[in-house]
PDB file of N, CA and C in Angstrom:
ATOM      1  N   MET A   1      -3.224 -12.547  11.437  1.00  0.00           N
ATOM      2  CA  MET A   1      -2.585 -11.896  10.314  1.00  0.00           C
ATOM      3  C   MET A   1      -3.229 -10.533  10.073  1.00  0.00           C
ATOM      4  N   GLY A   2      -2.461  -9.619   9.519  1.00  0.00           N
ATOM      5  CA  GLY A   2      -2.937  -8.265   9.297  1.00  0.00           C
ATOM      6  C   GLY A   2      -3.537  -8.051   7.925  1.00  0.00           C
ATOM      7  N   ARG A   3      -4.139  -9.075   7.371  1.00  0.00           N
ATOM      8  CA  ARG A   3      -4.668  -8.990   6.022  1.00  0.00           C
ATOM      9  C   ARG A   3      -5.673  -7.854   5.895  1.00  0.00           C
ATOM     10  N   SER A   4      -5.426  -6.968   4.958  1.00  0.00           N
ATOM     11  CA  SER A   4      -6.302  -5.825   4.746  1.00  0.00           C
ATOM     12  C   SER A   4      -7.306  -6.121   3.640  1.00  0.00           C
ATOM     13  N   LYS A   5      -8.540  -5.765   3.908  1.00  0.00           N
ATOM     14  CA  LYS A   5      -9.579  -5.868   2.881  1.00  0.00           C
ATOM     15  C   LYS A   5      -9.922  -4.495   2.335  1.00  0.00           C
ATOM     16  N   ASP A   6      -9.182  -3.495   2.781  1.00  0.00           N
ATOM     17  CA  ASP A   6      -9.374  -2.120   2.335  1.00  0.00           C
ATOM     18  C   ASP A   6      -9.010  -2.013   0.864  1.00  0.00           C
ATOM     19  N   ILE A   7      -9.880  -1.444   0.055  1.00  0.00           N
ATOM     20  CA  ILE A   7      -9.602  -1.342  -1.377  1.00  0.00           C
ATOM     21  C   ILE A   7      -9.193   0.064  -1.800  1.00  0.00           C
ATOM     22  N   ALA A   8      -8.905   0.915  -0.823  1.00  0.00           N
ATOM     23  CA  ALA A   8      -8.465   2.270  -1.142  1.00  0.00           C
ATOM     24  C   ALA A   8      -7.118   2.225  -1.848  1.00  0.00           C
ATOM     25  N   SER A   9      -6.854   3.265  -2.624  1.00  0.00           N
ATOM     26  CA  SER A   9      -5.568   3.332  -3.327  1.00  0.00           C
ATOM     27  C   SER A   9      -4.431   3.566  -2.329  1.00  0.00           C
ATOM     28  N   ALA A  10      -3.220   3.392  -2.795  1.00  0.00           N
ATOM     29  CA  ALA A  10      -2.039   3.590  -1.952  1.00  0.00           C
ATOM     30  C   ALA A  10      -1.948   5.053  -1.532  1.00  0.00           C
ATOM     31  N   PHE A  11      -1.450   5.288  -0.317  1.00  0.00           N
ATOM     32  CA  PHE A  11      -1.287   6.646   0.187  1.00  0.00           C
ATOM     33  C   PHE A  11       0.184   7.025   0.338  1.00  0.00           C
ATOM     34  N   ASN A  12       1.080   6.041   0.153  1.00  0.00           N
ATOM     35  CA  ASN A  12       2.511   6.304   0.283  1.00  0.00           C
ATOM     36  C   ASN A  12       3.279   5.263  -0.530  1.00  0.00           C
ATOM     37  N   ALA A  13       4.505   5.594  -0.871  1.00  0.00           N
ATOM     38  CA  ALA A  13       5.382   4.661  -1.587  1.00  0.00           C
ATOM     39  C   ALA A  13       6.807   4.909  -1.130  1.00  0.00           C
ATOM     40  N   THR A  14       7.580   3.850  -1.119  1.00  0.00           N
ATOM     41  CA  THR A  14       8.988   3.969  -0.756  1.00  0.00           C
ATOM     42  C   THR A  14       9.792   2.950  -1.552  1.00  0.00           C
ATOM     43  N   ALA A  15      11.023   3.297  -1.865  1.00  0.00           N
ATOM     44  CA  ALA A  15      11.885   2.387  -2.614  1.00  0.00           C
ATOM     45  C   ALA A  15      12.163   1.137  -1.787  1.00  0.00           C
ATOM     46  N   VAL A  16      12.198  -0.001  -2.456  1.00  0.00           N
ATOM     47  CA  VAL A  16      12.474  -1.276  -1.803  1.00  0.00           C
ATOM     48  C   VAL A  16      13.944  -1.624  -1.987  1.00  0.00           C
ATOM     49  N   ILE A  17      14.586  -1.976  -0.885  1.00  0.00           N
ATOM     50  CA  ILE A  17      15.926  -2.540  -0.938  1.00  0.00           C
ATOM     51  C   ILE A  17      15.751  -4.031  -0.697  1.00  0.00           C
ATOM     52  N   THR A  18      16.049  -4.832  -1.704  1.00  0.00           N
ATOM     53  CA  THR A  18      15.846  -6.275  -1.576  1.00  0.00           C
ATOM     54  C   THR A  18      16.788  -6.835  -0.520  1.00  0.00           C
ATOM     55  N   SER A  19      16.269  -7.790   0.262  1.00  0.00           N
ATOM     56  CA  SER A  19      17.040  -8.391   1.341  1.00  0.00           C
ATOM     57  C   SER A  19      16.429  -9.737   1.691  1.00  0.00           C
ATOM     58  N   ASP A  20      17.265 -10.680   2.054  1.00  0.00           N
ATOM     59  CA  ASP A  20      16.775 -11.993   2.486  1.00  0.00           C
ATOM     60  C   ASP A  20      16.450 -12.026   3.972  1.00  0.00           C
ATOM     61  N   SER A  21      16.628 -10.895   4.669  1.00  0.00           N
ATOM     62  CA  SER A  21      16.350 -10.879   6.107  1.00  0.00           C
ATOM     63  C   SER A  21      15.569  -9.663   6.596  1.00  0.00           C
ATOM     64  N   ALA A  22      15.586  -8.558   5.852  1.00  0.00           N
ATOM     65  CA  ALA A  22      14.921  -7.339   6.310  1.00  0.00           C
ATOM     66  C   ALA A  22      13.412  -7.427   6.112  1.00  0.00           C
ATOM     67  N   VAL A  23      12.681  -7.240   7.192  1.00  0.00           N
ATOM     68  CA  VAL A  23      11.223  -7.238   7.151  1.00  0.00           C
ATOM     69  C   VAL A  23      10.752  -5.791   6.983  1.00  0.00           C
ATOM     70  N   ILE A  24       9.791  -5.576   6.092  1.00  0.00           N
ATOM     71  CA  ILE A  24       9.220  -4.251   5.859  1.00  0.00           C
ATOM     72  C   ILE A  24       7.764  -4.266   6.323  1.00  0.00           C
ATOM     73  N   PRO A  25       7.167  -3.086   6.541  1.00  0.00           N
ATOM     74  CA  PRO A  25       5.741  -3.068   6.859  1.00  0.00           C
ATOM     75  C   PRO A  25       4.951  -3.731   5.721  1.00  0.00           C
ATOM     76  N   VAL A  26       3.887  -4.415   6.065  1.00  0.00           N
ATOM     77  CA  VAL A  26       3.082  -5.118   5.056  1.00  0.00           C
ATOM     78  C   VAL A  26       2.544  -4.116   4.037  1.00  0.00           C
ATOM     79  N   THR A  27       2.756  -4.433   2.767  1.00  0.00           N
ATOM     80  CA  THR A  27       2.404  -3.534   1.671  1.00  0.00           C
ATOM     81  C   THR A  27       0.962  -3.716   1.205  1.00  0.00           C
ATOM     82  N   ARG A  28       0.475  -2.720   0.479  1.00  0.00           N
ATOM     83  CA  ARG A  28      -0.772  -2.852  -0.285  1.00  0.00           C
ATOM     84  C   ARG A  28      -0.463  -3.467  -1.637  1.00  0.00           C
ATOM     85  N   GLY A  29       0.770  -3.271  -2.091  1.00  0.00           N
ATOM     86  CA  GLY A  29       1.204  -3.786  -3.381  1.00  0.00           C
ATOM     87  C   GLY A  29       2.629  -3.353  -3.654  1.00  0.00           C
ATOM     88  N   LEU A  30       3.135  -3.786  -4.788  1.00  0.00           N
ATOM     89  CA  LEU A  30       4.463  -3.398  -5.238  1.00  0.00           C
ATOM     90  C   LEU A  30       4.352  -2.795  -6.626  1.00  0.00           C
ATOM     91  N   TYR A  31       5.115  -1.748  -6.868  1.00  0.00           N
ATOM     92  CA  TYR A  31       5.250  -1.223  -8.220  1.00  0.00           C
ATOM     93  C   TYR A  31       6.574  -1.762  -8.753  1.00  0.00           C
ATOM     94  N   ILE A  32       6.521  -2.404  -9.916  1.00  0.00           N
ATOM     95  CA  ILE A  32       7.708  -2.952 -10.569  1.00  0.00           C
ATOM     96  C   ILE A  32       8.102  -1.995 -11.688  1.00  0.00           C
ATOM     97  N   GLY A  33       9.305  -1.413 -11.580  1.00  0.00           N
ATOM     98  CA  GLY A  33       9.747  -0.424 -12.562  1.00  0.00           C
ATOM     99  C   GLY A  33      10.432  -1.012 -13.774  1.00  0.00           C
ATOM    100  N   ALA A  34      11.068  -2.165 -13.615  1.00  0.00           N
ATOM    101  CA  ALA A  34      11.729  -2.847 -14.730  1.00  0.00           C
ATOM    102  C   ALA A  34      11.467  -4.342 -14.573  1.00  0.00           C
ATOM    103  N   THR A  35      10.946  -4.960 -15.603  1.00  0.00           N
ATOM    104  CA  THR A  35      10.484  -6.347 -15.541  1.00  0.00           C
ATOM    105  C   THR A  35      11.567  -7.324 -15.095  1.00  0.00           C
ATOM    106  N   GLY A  36      11.125  -8.393 -14.481  1.00  0.00           N
ATOM    107  CA  GLY A  36      12.022  -9.451 -14.012  1.00  0.00           C
ATOM    108  C   GLY A  36      11.293 -10.307 -12.997  1.00  0.00           C
ATOM    109  N   ASP A  37      12.005 -11.245 -12.418  1.00  0.00           N
ATOM    110  CA  ASP A  37      11.422 -12.093 -11.374  1.00  0.00           C
ATOM    111  C   ASP A  37      11.381 -11.312 -10.059  1.00  0.00           C
ATOM    112  N   VAL A  38      10.333 -11.555  -9.261  1.00  0.00           N
ATOM    113  CA  VAL A  38      10.199 -10.928  -7.954  1.00  0.00           C
ATOM    114  C   VAL A  38       9.910 -12.029  -6.939  1.00  0.00           C
ATOM    115  N   THR A  39      10.838 -12.229  -6.009  1.00  0.00           N
ATOM    116  CA  THR A  39      10.653 -13.221  -4.956  1.00  0.00           C
ATOM    117  C   THR A  39      10.304 -12.477  -3.671  1.00  0.00           C
ATOM    118  N   VAL A  40       9.191 -12.865  -3.078  1.00  0.00           N
ATOM    119  CA  VAL A  40       8.676 -12.167  -1.904  1.00  0.00           C
ATOM    120  C   VAL A  40       8.267 -13.153  -0.825  1.00  0.00           C
ATOM    121  N   ARG A  41       8.122 -12.623   0.396  1.00  0.00           N
ATOM    122  CA  ARG A  41       7.448 -13.380   1.444  1.00  0.00           C
ATOM    123  C   ARG A  41       6.083 -12.730   1.614  1.00  0.00           C
ATOM    124  N   MET A  42       5.053 -13.510   1.337  1.00  0.00           N
ATOM    125  CA  MET A  42       3.688 -13.017   1.442  1.00  0.00           C
ATOM    126  C   MET A  42       3.358 -12.744   2.908  1.00  0.00           C
ATOM    127  N   GLU A  43       2.362 -11.912   3.161  1.00  0.00           N
ATOM    128  CA  GLU A  43       1.968 -11.569   4.518  1.00  0.00           C
ATOM    129  C   GLU A  43       1.623 -12.813   5.327  1.00  0.00           C
ATOM    130  N   ALA A  44       1.114 -13.850   4.685  1.00  0.00           N
ATOM    131  CA  ALA A  44       0.757 -15.097   5.360  1.00  0.00           C
ATOM    132  C   ALA A  44       1.983 -15.925   5.747  1.00  0.00           C
ATOM    133  N   GLY A  45       3.182 -15.573   5.224  1.00  0.00           N
ATOM    134  CA  GLY A  45       4.406 -16.249   5.623  1.00  0.00           C
ATOM    135  C   GLY A  45       5.062 -17.114   4.569  1.00  0.00           C
ATOM    136  N   ASN A  46       4.365 -17.438   3.497  1.00  0.00           N
ATOM    137  CA  ASN A  46       4.964 -18.283   2.457  1.00  0.00           C
ATOM    138  C   ASN A  46       5.747 -17.436   1.452  1.00  0.00           C
ATOM    139  N   SER A  47       6.826 -18.010   0.928  1.00  0.00           N
ATOM    140  CA  SER A  47       7.643 -17.327  -0.076  1.00  0.00           C
ATOM    141  C   SER A  47       7.273 -17.822  -1.464  1.00  0.00           C
ATOM    142  N   VAL A  48       7.171 -16.884  -2.397  1.00  0.00           N
ATOM    143  CA  VAL A  48       6.825 -17.217  -3.784  1.00  0.00           C
ATOM    144  C   VAL A  48       7.639 -16.342  -4.730  1.00  0.00           C
ATOM    145  N   THR A  49       7.806 -16.828  -5.953  1.00  0.00           N
ATOM    146  CA  THR A  49       8.469 -16.054  -6.997  1.00  0.00           C
ATOM    147  C   THR A  49       7.474 -15.776  -8.110  1.00  0.00           C
ATOM    148  N   PHE A  50       7.307 -14.500  -8.426  1.00  0.00           N
ATOM    149  CA  PHE A  50       6.504 -14.085  -9.575  1.00  0.00           C
ATOM    150  C   PHE A  50       7.467 -13.994 -10.748  1.00  0.00           C
ATOM    151  N   LYS A  51       7.380 -14.954 -11.661  1.00  0.00           N
ATOM    152  CA  LYS A  51       8.284 -15.023 -12.805  1.00  0.00           C
ATOM    153  C   LYS A  51       7.921 -13.962 -13.841  1.00  0.00           C
ATOM    154  N   ALA A  52       8.930 -13.271 -14.329  1.00  0.00           N
ATOM    155  CA  ALA A  52       8.772 -12.269 -15.385  1.00  0.00           C
ATOM    156  C   ALA A  52       7.656 -11.278 -15.065  1.00  0.00           C
ATOM    157  N   ALA A  53       7.677 -10.750 -13.841  1.00  0.00           N
ATOM    158  CA  ALA A  53       6.671  -9.755 -13.447  1.00  0.00           C
ATOM    159  C   ALA A  53       6.773  -8.552 -14.374  1.00  0.00           C
ATOM    160  N   PRO A  54       5.663  -8.124 -14.934  1.00  0.00           N
ATOM    161  CA  PRO A  54       5.705  -6.994 -15.863  1.00  0.00           C
ATOM    162  C   PRO A  54       5.827  -5.665 -15.128  1.00  0.00           C
ATOM    163  N   VAL A  55       6.218  -4.640 -15.853  1.00  0.00           N
ATOM    164  CA  VAL A  55       6.220  -3.288 -15.296  1.00  0.00           C
ATOM    165  C   VAL A  55       4.790  -2.946 -14.908  1.00  0.00           C
ATOM    166  N   GLY A  56       4.629  -2.414 -13.714  1.00  0.00           N
ATOM    167  CA  GLY A  56       3.307  -2.024 -13.233  1.00  0.00           C
ATOM    168  C   GLY A  56       3.112  -2.464 -11.794  1.00  0.00           C
ATOM    169  N   ILE A  57       1.869  -2.532 -11.388  1.00  0.00           N
ATOM    170  CA  ILE A  57       1.536  -2.807  -9.998  1.00  0.00           C
ATOM    171  C   ILE A  57       1.174  -4.273  -9.792  1.00  0.00           C
ATOM    172  N   LEU A  58       1.819  -4.881  -8.786  1.00  0.00           N
ATOM    173  CA  LEU A  58       1.431  -6.208  -8.309  1.00  0.00           C
ATOM    174  C   LEU A  58       0.619  -5.973  -7.035  1.00  0.00           C
ATOM    175  N   PRO A  59      -0.661  -6.283  -7.037  1.00  0.00           N
ATOM    176  CA  PRO A  59      -1.501  -6.020  -5.855  1.00  0.00           C
ATOM    177  C   PRO A  59      -1.355  -7.125  -4.819  1.00  0.00           C
ATOM    178  N   ILE A  60      -0.192  -7.169  -4.166  1.00  0.00           N
ATOM    179  CA  ILE A  60       0.105  -8.242  -3.219  1.00  0.00           C
ATOM    180  C   ILE A  60       0.540  -7.654  -1.884  1.00  0.00           C
ATOM    181  N   GLN A  61       0.190  -8.341  -0.807  1.00  0.00           N
ATOM    182  CA  GLN A  61       0.582  -7.926   0.534  1.00  0.00           C
ATOM    183  C   GLN A  61       1.789  -8.755   0.952  1.00  0.00           C
ATOM    184  N   VAL A  62       2.927  -8.079   1.062  1.00  0.00           N
ATOM    185  CA  VAL A  62       4.178  -8.754   1.399  1.00  0.00           C
ATOM    186  C   VAL A  62       4.868  -8.030   2.542  1.00  0.00           C
ATOM    187  N   ASP A  63       5.740  -8.763   3.256  1.00  0.00           N
ATOM    188  CA  ASP A  63       6.549  -8.120   4.289  1.00  0.00           C
ATOM    189  C   ASP A  63       8.044  -8.283   4.011  1.00  0.00           C
ATOM    190  N   MET A  64       8.365  -8.821   2.835  1.00  0.00           N
ATOM    191  CA  MET A  64       9.775  -8.959   2.453  1.00  0.00           C
ATOM    192  C   MET A  64       9.867  -9.110   0.934  1.00  0.00           C
ATOM    193  N   VAL A  65      10.793  -8.375   0.343  1.00  0.00           N
ATOM    194  CA  VAL A  65      11.148  -8.575  -1.066  1.00  0.00           C
ATOM    195  C   VAL A  65      12.565  -9.114  -1.031  1.00  0.00           C
ATOM    196  N   LYS A  66      12.710 -10.358  -1.421  1.00  0.00           N
ATOM    197  CA  LYS A  66      13.978 -11.065  -1.229  1.00  0.00           C
ATOM    198  C   LYS A  66      15.017 -10.710  -2.294  1.00  0.00           C
ATOM    199  N   LEU A  67      16.262 -10.659  -1.842  1.00  0.00           N
ATOM    200  CA  LEU A  67      17.384 -10.437  -2.746  1.00  0.00           C
ATOM    201  C   LEU A  67      17.576 -11.663  -3.642  1.00  0.00           C
ATOM    202  N   THR A  68      17.575 -12.837  -3.013  1.00  0.00           N
ATOM    203  CA  THR A  68      17.759 -14.083  -3.760  1.00  0.00           C
ATOM    204  C   THR A  68      16.524 -14.357  -4.609  1.00  0.00           C
ATOM    205  N   GLY A  69      16.714 -14.422  -5.898  1.00  0.00           N
ATOM    206  CA  GLY A  69      15.615 -14.730  -6.811  1.00  0.00           C
ATOM    207  C   GLY A  69      14.946 -13.523  -7.437  1.00  0.00           C
ATOM    208  N   THR A  70      15.268 -12.313  -6.971  1.00  0.00           N
ATOM    209  CA  THR A  70      14.658 -11.110  -7.538  1.00  0.00           C
ATOM    210  C   THR A  70      15.596 -10.495  -8.569  1.00  0.00           C
ATOM    211  N   THR A  71      15.097 -10.374  -9.808  1.00  0.00           N
ATOM    212  CA  THR A  71      15.875  -9.741 -10.870  1.00  0.00           C
ATOM    213  C   THR A  71      15.221  -8.446 -11.351  1.00  0.00           C
ATOM    214  N   ALA A  72      13.950  -8.234 -11.002  1.00  0.00           N
ATOM    215  CA  ALA A  72      13.272  -6.981 -11.339  1.00  0.00           C
ATOM    216  C   ALA A  72      13.954  -5.852 -10.572  1.00  0.00           C
ATOM    217  N   THR A  73      13.858  -4.637 -11.114  1.00  0.00           N
ATOM    218  CA  THR A  73      14.490  -3.492 -10.458  1.00  0.00           C
ATOM    219  C   THR A  73      13.509  -2.327 -10.369  1.00  0.00           C
ATOM    220  N   ASN A  74      13.961  -1.292  -9.685  1.00  0.00           N
ATOM    221  CA  ASN A  74      13.154  -0.089  -9.492  1.00  0.00           C
ATOM    222  C   ASN A  74      11.813  -0.429  -8.841  1.00  0.00           C
ATOM    223  N   ILE A  75      11.876  -1.201  -7.765  1.00  0.00           N
ATOM    224  CA  ILE A  75      10.673  -1.662  -7.068  1.00  0.00           C
ATOM    225  C   ILE A  75      10.310  -0.662  -5.976  1.00  0.00           C
ATOM    226  N   LEU A  76       9.034  -0.329  -5.916  1.00  0.00           N
ATOM    227  CA  LEU A  76       8.492   0.522  -4.864  1.00  0.00           C
ATOM    228  C   LEU A  76       7.492  -0.262  -4.046  1.00  0.00           C
ATOM    229  N   ALA A  77       7.530  -0.094  -2.730  1.00  0.00           N
ATOM    230  CA  ALA A  77       6.508  -0.642  -1.852  1.00  0.00           C
ATOM    231  C   ALA A  77       5.379   0.381  -1.766  1.00  0.00           C
ATOM    232  N   LEU A  78       4.168  -0.050  -1.953  1.00  0.00           N
ATOM    233  CA  LEU A  78       2.991   0.824  -1.900  1.00  0.00           C
ATOM    234  C   LEU A  78       2.254   0.585  -0.589  1.00  0.00           C
ATOM    235  N   TYR A  79       1.919   1.676   0.094  1.00  0.00           N
ATOM    236  CA  TYR A  79       1.231   1.607   1.389  1.00  0.00           C
ATOM    237  C   TYR A  79      -0.049   2.403   1.362  1.00  0.00           C
TER     238      TYR A  79
END
């Protein structure tokens, strides 16, 4: 697994298009612009839903932000 232990801040960000099949490069985290549920596939391969994720940064390494189960909007992938 490509688990990063680097604690440096993000150097890039890009808008996330939620999808149940599109794989993205593993993130340093996600910025949530409008609160809601966020369903992701973690870098380790398991899928989880963060219920009522608040506006701000989720420091999680993911390779997919799923359409099904995600109600949060304005999500950015942080790299």
